[in-house]
Amino acid sequence: MRRLGIVTDAQHQAVDAARAQVLAMLEERQGRFADAVAWTAWRWNPAWLPLRLSQPGPAC
């Protein structure tokens, strides 16, 4: 995505930092991931519509 110019270096670095934070929370069972029982019971609701990614517009 960076090579195509869709994502800037700053955006890529922000995503990397967020990913590292989430992985640490998962490992330490902290934050939203503290309640492992609740997460293991979670199931996708078949009535929910699938998410769609938007298509990027033409390059400027």
N, C-alpha and C. Protein backbone atom coordinates (compact mmCIF):
# COMPACT_ATOMS: atom_id res chain seq x y z
N MET A 1 0.83 -1.19 0.00
CA MET A 1 0.00 0.00 0.00
C MET A 1 0.87 1.25 0.00
N ARG A 2 1.99 1.21 0.72
CA ARG A 2 2.88 2.37 0.71
C ARG A 2 3.48 2.58 -0.67
N ARG A 3 3.89 1.48 -1.32
CA ARG A 3 4.50 1.61 -2.65
C ARG A 3 3.52 2.19 -3.66
N LEU A 4 2.24 1.93 -3.48
CA LEU A 4 1.23 2.45 -4.39
C LEU A 4 0.81 3.87 -4.03
N GLY A 5 1.27 4.37 -2.89
CA GLY A 5 0.93 5.72 -2.48
C GLY A 5 -0.43 5.84 -1.81
N ILE A 6 -1.01 4.69 -1.43
CA ILE A 6 -2.33 4.71 -0.79
C ILE A 6 -2.18 5.00 0.70
N VAL A 7 -1.08 4.54 1.29
CA VAL A 7 -0.80 4.73 2.71
C VAL A 7 0.52 5.47 2.83
N THR A 8 0.54 6.51 3.65
CA THR A 8 1.78 7.26 3.86
C THR A 8 2.68 6.52 4.86
N ASP A 9 3.94 6.91 4.91
CA ASP A 9 4.85 6.32 5.88
C ASP A 9 4.35 6.55 7.31
N ALA A 10 3.82 7.74 7.56
CA ALA A 10 3.32 8.06 8.90
C ALA A 10 2.13 7.16 9.26
N GLN A 11 1.23 6.93 8.30
CA GLN A 11 0.09 6.05 8.55
C GLN A 11 0.56 4.61 8.79
N HIS A 12 1.53 4.17 8.03
CA HIS A 12 2.07 2.83 8.20
C HIS A 12 2.70 2.68 9.58
N GLN A 13 3.45 3.67 10.01
CA GLN A 13 4.07 3.63 11.34
C GLN A 13 3.01 3.62 12.43
N ALA A 14 1.93 4.36 12.25
CA ALA A 14 0.84 4.38 13.24
C ALA A 14 0.18 3.01 13.34
N VAL A 15 -0.03 2.36 12.21
CA VAL A 15 -0.63 1.02 12.21
C VAL A 15 0.32 0.03 12.88
N ASP A 16 1.61 0.12 12.58
CA ASP A 16 2.59 -0.76 13.23
C ASP A 16 2.58 -0.60 14.75
N ALA A 17 2.51 0.66 15.20
CA ALA A 17 2.50 0.92 16.65
C ALA A 17 1.22 0.37 17.27
N ALA A 18 0.08 0.55 16.61
CA ALA A 18 -1.19 0.03 17.13
C ALA A 18 -1.17 -1.49 17.17
N ARG A 19 -0.60 -2.11 16.14
CA ARG A 19 -0.51 -3.57 16.11
C ARG A 19 0.33 -4.08 17.27
N ALA A 20 1.46 -3.44 17.53
CA ALA A 20 2.33 -3.85 18.64
C ALA A 20 1.59 -3.70 19.97
N GLN A 21 0.82 -2.63 20.11
CA GLN A 21 0.07 -2.40 21.35
C GLN A 21 -0.98 -3.50 21.54
N VAL A 22 -1.70 -3.84 20.49
CA VAL A 22 -2.74 -4.88 20.59
C VAL A 22 -2.11 -6.23 20.90
N LEU A 23 -1.00 -6.57 20.25
CA LEU A 23 -0.34 -7.84 20.52
C LEU A 23 0.12 -7.94 21.97
N ALA A 24 0.64 -6.82 22.50
CA ALA A 24 1.05 -6.81 23.90
C ALA A 24 -0.15 -7.00 24.82
N MET A 25 -1.27 -6.36 24.50
CA MET A 25 -2.49 -6.51 25.30
C MET A 25 -2.98 -7.96 25.26
N LEU A 26 -2.91 -8.58 24.10
CA LEU A 26 -3.32 -9.98 23.99
C LEU A 26 -2.44 -10.88 24.85
N GLU A 27 -1.13 -10.70 24.74
CA GLU A 27 -0.21 -11.54 25.51
C GLU A 27 -0.40 -11.38 27.00
N GLU A 28 -0.66 -10.15 27.43
CA GLU A 28 -0.78 -9.86 28.86
C GLU A 28 -2.22 -9.94 29.36
N ARG A 29 -3.15 -10.27 28.46
CA ARG A 29 -4.57 -10.35 28.80
C ARG A 29 -5.02 -9.08 29.53
N GLN A 30 -4.78 -7.95 28.88
CA GLN A 30 -5.15 -6.65 29.44
C GLN A 30 -6.14 -5.96 28.52
N GLY A 31 -6.72 -4.88 29.03
CA GLY A 31 -7.63 -4.07 28.22
C GLY A 31 -8.84 -4.87 27.78
N ARG A 32 -9.25 -4.68 26.56
CA ARG A 32 -10.43 -5.35 26.01
C ARG A 32 -10.26 -6.86 25.94
N PHE A 33 -9.02 -7.34 26.02
CA PHE A 33 -8.76 -8.76 25.88
C PHE A 33 -8.56 -9.47 27.22
N ALA A 34 -8.88 -8.78 28.32
CA ALA A 34 -8.66 -9.35 29.64
C ALA A 34 -9.61 -10.50 29.94
N ASP A 35 -10.82 -10.45 29.42
CA ASP A 35 -11.82 -11.47 29.72
C ASP A 35 -11.80 -12.54 28.62
N ALA A 36 -10.92 -13.52 28.77
CA ALA A 36 -10.76 -14.56 27.76
C ALA A 36 -12.03 -15.37 27.57
N VAL A 37 -12.79 -15.57 28.62
CA VAL A 37 -14.02 -16.37 28.51
C VAL A 37 -15.01 -15.68 27.59
N ALA A 38 -15.16 -14.39 27.73
CA ALA A 38 -16.09 -13.65 26.88
C ALA A 38 -15.67 -13.73 25.41
N TRP A 39 -14.38 -13.63 25.15
CA TRP A 39 -13.92 -13.67 23.76
C TRP A 39 -14.04 -15.06 23.15
N THR A 40 -13.85 -16.10 23.94
CA THR A 40 -13.97 -17.44 23.38
C THR A 40 -15.42 -17.79 23.08
N ALA A 41 -16.36 -17.08 23.72
CA ALA A 41 -17.78 -17.33 23.49
C ALA A 41 -18.33 -16.47 22.35
N TRP A 42 -17.57 -15.49 21.87
CA TRP A 42 -18.05 -14.58 20.83
C TRP A 42 -18.22 -15.33 19.52
N ARG A 43 -19.33 -15.04 18.84
CA ARG A 43 -19.61 -15.62 17.53
C ARG A 43 -20.14 -14.54 16.60
N TRP A 44 -19.81 -14.67 15.34
CA TRP A 44 -20.33 -13.76 14.32
C TRP A 44 -21.83 -13.98 14.20
N ASN A 45 -22.60 -12.91 14.14
CA ASN A 45 -24.04 -13.01 13.97
C ASN A 45 -24.31 -13.14 12.47
N PRO A 46 -24.89 -14.25 12.03
CA PRO A 46 -25.14 -14.44 10.59
C PRO A 46 -26.03 -13.36 9.98
N ALA A 47 -26.79 -12.64 10.80
CA ALA A 47 -27.65 -11.57 10.29
C ALA A 47 -26.85 -10.32 9.91
N TRP A 48 -25.60 -10.21 10.41
CA TRP A 48 -24.78 -9.04 10.09
C TRP A 48 -24.33 -9.12 8.64
N LEU A 49 -24.35 -8.00 7.97
CA LEU A 49 -23.86 -7.95 6.59
C LEU A 49 -22.34 -7.97 6.60
N PRO A 50 -21.73 -8.62 5.63
CA PRO A 50 -20.26 -8.63 5.58
C PRO A 50 -19.73 -7.22 5.32
N LEU A 51 -18.60 -6.93 5.90
CA LEU A 51 -17.97 -5.63 5.71
C LEU A 51 -17.31 -5.60 4.33
N ARG A 52 -17.29 -4.42 3.74
CA ARG A 52 -16.65 -4.24 2.44
C ARG A 52 -15.63 -3.13 2.54
N LEU A 53 -14.49 -3.35 1.95
CA LEU A 53 -13.49 -2.31 1.87
C LEU A 53 -13.82 -1.42 0.67
N SER A 54 -13.67 -0.13 0.84
CA SER A 54 -13.93 0.76 -0.28
C SER A 54 -12.80 0.68 -1.29
N GLN A 55 -13.11 0.92 -2.51
CA GLN A 55 -12.11 0.91 -3.57
C GLN A 55 -11.42 2.27 -3.60
N PRO A 56 -10.08 2.29 -3.73
CA PRO A 56 -9.40 3.58 -3.82
C PRO A 56 -9.76 4.28 -5.12
N GLY A 57 -9.82 5.58 -5.07
CA GLY A 57 -10.11 6.37 -6.27
C GLY A 57 -8.89 6.45 -7.16
N PRO A 58 -9.02 7.07 -8.29
CA PRO A 58 -7.89 7.22 -9.20
C PRO A 58 -6.80 8.08 -8.57
N ALA A 59 -5.57 7.79 -8.92
CA ALA A 59 -4.43 8.55 -8.39
C ALA A 59 -4.48 9.97 -8.94
N CYS A 60 -4.14 10.93 -8.08
CA CYS A 60 -4.15 12.33 -8.51
C CYS A 60 -2.86 12.69 -9.19
